[in-house]
Amino acid sequence: MQRRAFLAAVGGGSLAVLGGCTAITSLTESHDIGMSAHEFLPDSYTVEVGDTVVWENTGSRAHTITAYDGGQPEGAAFFSTGEFESETAARKAWRDNRTGSIYTGERFERTFEVPGQHHYFCIPHERGGMVARIVVEE
């Protein structure tokens, strides 16, 4: 009889713990774009004017999110991790001391106000194809 009570208690407790893990998993996936070793996930994401996009470094390597100077619609502000004013400044800062990097679990947010395609990349992994775009619709 004690064995059955023990098994019932352990079984019920295990389900409660597993249920908690499911909730934790869904809470940690509150980003729009993730990052693997060499790509943004997804590499194209569509939002409406005024929406905020959240990137999270879900990989194990340091990454940047850096807009291409010529890859933004007219009137759109440049954006990057590290809050640089240009692609050239972001590249130099990363090259000099890895400024602008985000590490595993860190996030970056950007609100998009100008419709069109906003192209961006990861400085250290650009050559490996880590490029992407945000499509902003009205």
Protein backbone atom coordinates (compact mmCIF):
# COMPACT_ATOMS: atom_id res chain seq x y z
CA MET A 1 0.00 0.00 0.00
CA GLN A 2 2.80 2.43 0.82
CA ARG A 3 4.42 1.63 -2.53
CA ARG A 4 1.27 2.66 -4.43
CA ALA A 5 0.97 5.90 -2.48
CA PHE A 6 4.64 6.65 -3.18
CA LEU A 7 4.26 5.95 -6.91
CA ALA A 8 1.10 8.06 -7.10
CA ALA A 9 2.83 10.96 -5.34
CA VAL A 10 5.95 10.74 -7.52
CA GLY A 11 3.90 10.41 -10.71
CA GLY A 12 1.73 13.42 -9.87
CA GLY A 13 4.75 15.48 -8.88
CA SER A 14 6.53 14.57 -12.11
CA LEU A 15 3.59 15.77 -14.17
CA ALA A 16 3.51 19.05 -12.27
CA VAL A 17 7.23 19.53 -12.87
CA LEU A 18 6.93 18.68 -16.56
CA GLY A 19 4.00 21.04 -16.87
CA GLY A 20 6.17 23.77 -15.38
CA CYS A 21 8.93 23.05 -17.89
CA THR A 22 6.50 23.50 -20.73
CA ALA A 23 5.46 26.88 -19.38
CA ILE A 24 9.08 27.94 -18.93
CA THR A 25 9.91 26.93 -22.50
CA SER A 26 7.08 28.99 -23.94
CA LEU A 27 8.06 31.99 -21.80
CA THR A 28 11.65 31.92 -23.06
CA GLU A 29 10.54 31.90 -26.69
CA SER A 30 9.21 35.45 -26.62
CA HIS A 31 11.36 36.73 -29.48
CA ASP A 32 10.56 37.21 -33.15
CA ILE A 33 13.95 36.33 -34.62
CA GLY A 34 16.51 33.91 -33.23
CA MET A 35 20.10 33.27 -34.25
CA SER A 36 21.93 30.03 -34.88
CA ALA A 37 25.66 29.76 -35.53
CA HIS A 38 25.39 31.32 -39.01
CA GLU A 39 21.82 32.45 -39.69
CA PHE A 40 18.90 34.52 -38.51
CA LEU A 41 15.79 32.44 -37.83
CA PRO A 42 13.78 33.37 -39.88
CA ASP A 43 15.83 35.30 -42.42
CA SER A 44 12.77 37.27 -43.58
CA TYR A 45 10.16 38.64 -41.18
CA THR A 46 7.11 40.77 -41.98
CA VAL A 47 5.60 43.34 -39.61
CA GLU A 48 3.36 46.39 -39.82
CA VAL A 49 4.42 50.02 -39.40
CA GLY A 50 4.88 50.71 -35.68
CA ASP A 51 5.62 47.09 -34.71
CA THR A 52 8.62 46.25 -32.56
CA VAL A 53 10.83 43.33 -33.58
CA VAL A 54 12.73 41.40 -30.90
CA TRP A 55 15.88 39.49 -31.78
CA GLU A 56 17.39 37.03 -29.31
CA ASN A 57 20.77 35.38 -29.60
CA THR A 58 19.64 31.78 -29.38
CA GLY A 59 22.99 30.46 -30.58
CA SER A 60 26.30 29.93 -28.84
CA ARG A 61 28.33 32.56 -30.72
CA ALA A 62 28.44 36.33 -30.41
CA HIS A 63 26.42 38.11 -33.12
CA THR A 64 25.55 41.60 -34.26
CA ILE A 65 22.45 43.01 -35.88
CA THR A 66 23.63 45.67 -38.29
CA ALA A 67 21.61 47.46 -40.96
CA TYR A 68 23.15 47.92 -44.39
CA ASP A 69 23.62 51.63 -45.05
CA GLY A 70 22.16 51.28 -48.55
CA GLY A 71 19.67 48.59 -47.57
CA GLN A 72 17.02 50.72 -45.89
CA PRO A 73 13.99 52.49 -47.34
CA GLU A 74 14.31 56.24 -47.83
CA GLY A 75 13.76 58.03 -44.53
CA ALA A 76 14.51 55.01 -42.35
CA ALA A 77 17.04 55.42 -39.55
CA PHE A 78 20.10 53.20 -39.36
CA PHE A 79 19.95 50.51 -36.64
CA SER A 80 22.47 48.22 -35.01
CA THR A 81 23.38 46.51 -31.80
CA GLY A 82 25.73 48.96 -30.13
CA GLU A 83 23.60 51.88 -31.39
CA PHE A 84 26.11 53.03 -34.02
CA GLU A 85 25.29 55.76 -36.52
CA SER A 86 26.49 53.91 -39.63
CA GLU A 87 27.51 50.54 -41.01
CA THR A 88 31.12 51.74 -41.24
CA ALA A 89 31.16 52.75 -37.55
CA ALA A 90 29.62 49.41 -36.52
CA ARG A 91 32.15 47.41 -38.56
CA LYS A 92 35.09 49.38 -37.12
CA ALA A 93 33.87 49.01 -33.52
CA TRP A 94 33.37 45.28 -33.93
CA ARG A 95 36.76 44.85 -35.60
CA ASP A 96 38.55 46.92 -32.93
CA ASN A 97 37.05 45.37 -29.78
CA ARG A 98 33.87 43.39 -30.59
CA THR A 99 31.64 46.31 -29.54
CA GLY A 100 28.06 45.78 -30.64
CA SER A 101 28.08 42.04 -30.01
CA ILE A 102 25.18 40.36 -28.28
CA TYR A 103 25.79 37.07 -26.55
CA THR A 104 23.70 33.98 -25.86
CA GLY A 105 20.36 34.94 -24.32
CA GLU A 106 20.76 38.68 -24.93
CA ARG A 107 18.15 40.61 -26.91
CA PHE A 108 17.87 43.59 -29.20
CA GLU A 109 14.65 45.44 -30.05
CA ARG A 110 13.77 47.84 -32.83
CA THR A 111 10.50 49.57 -33.71
CA PHE A 112 9.98 50.01 -37.45
CA GLU A 113 8.19 53.19 -38.56
CA VAL A 114 9.07 53.31 -42.28
CA PRO A 115 7.47 50.83 -44.70
CA GLY A 116 9.67 48.84 -47.06
CA GLN A 117 12.48 46.31 -46.84
CA HIS A 118 15.12 46.78 -44.13
CA HIS A 119 18.18 44.63 -44.88
CA TYR A 120 20.64 43.72 -42.13
CA PHE A 121 23.44 41.29 -41.31
CA CYS A 122 25.75 39.91 -38.62
CA ILE A 123 29.22 41.42 -38.96
CA PRO A 124 31.29 38.36 -37.96
CA HIS A 125 29.13 35.92 -39.95
CA GLU A 126 28.19 37.96 -43.01
CA ARG A 127 30.57 36.02 -45.27
CA GLY A 128 28.88 32.81 -44.14
CA GLY A 129 25.53 34.17 -45.31
CA MET A 130 24.09 35.57 -42.09
CA VAL A 131 21.99 38.22 -43.78
CA ALA A 132 18.28 38.90 -43.44
CA ARG A 133 15.49 41.42 -43.89
CA ILE A 134 12.51 42.92 -42.15
CA VAL A 135 9.59 43.71 -44.43
CA VAL A 136 7.46 46.54 -43.04
CA GLU A 137 3.96 46.86 -44.46
CA GLU A 138 1.42 49.66 -44.04
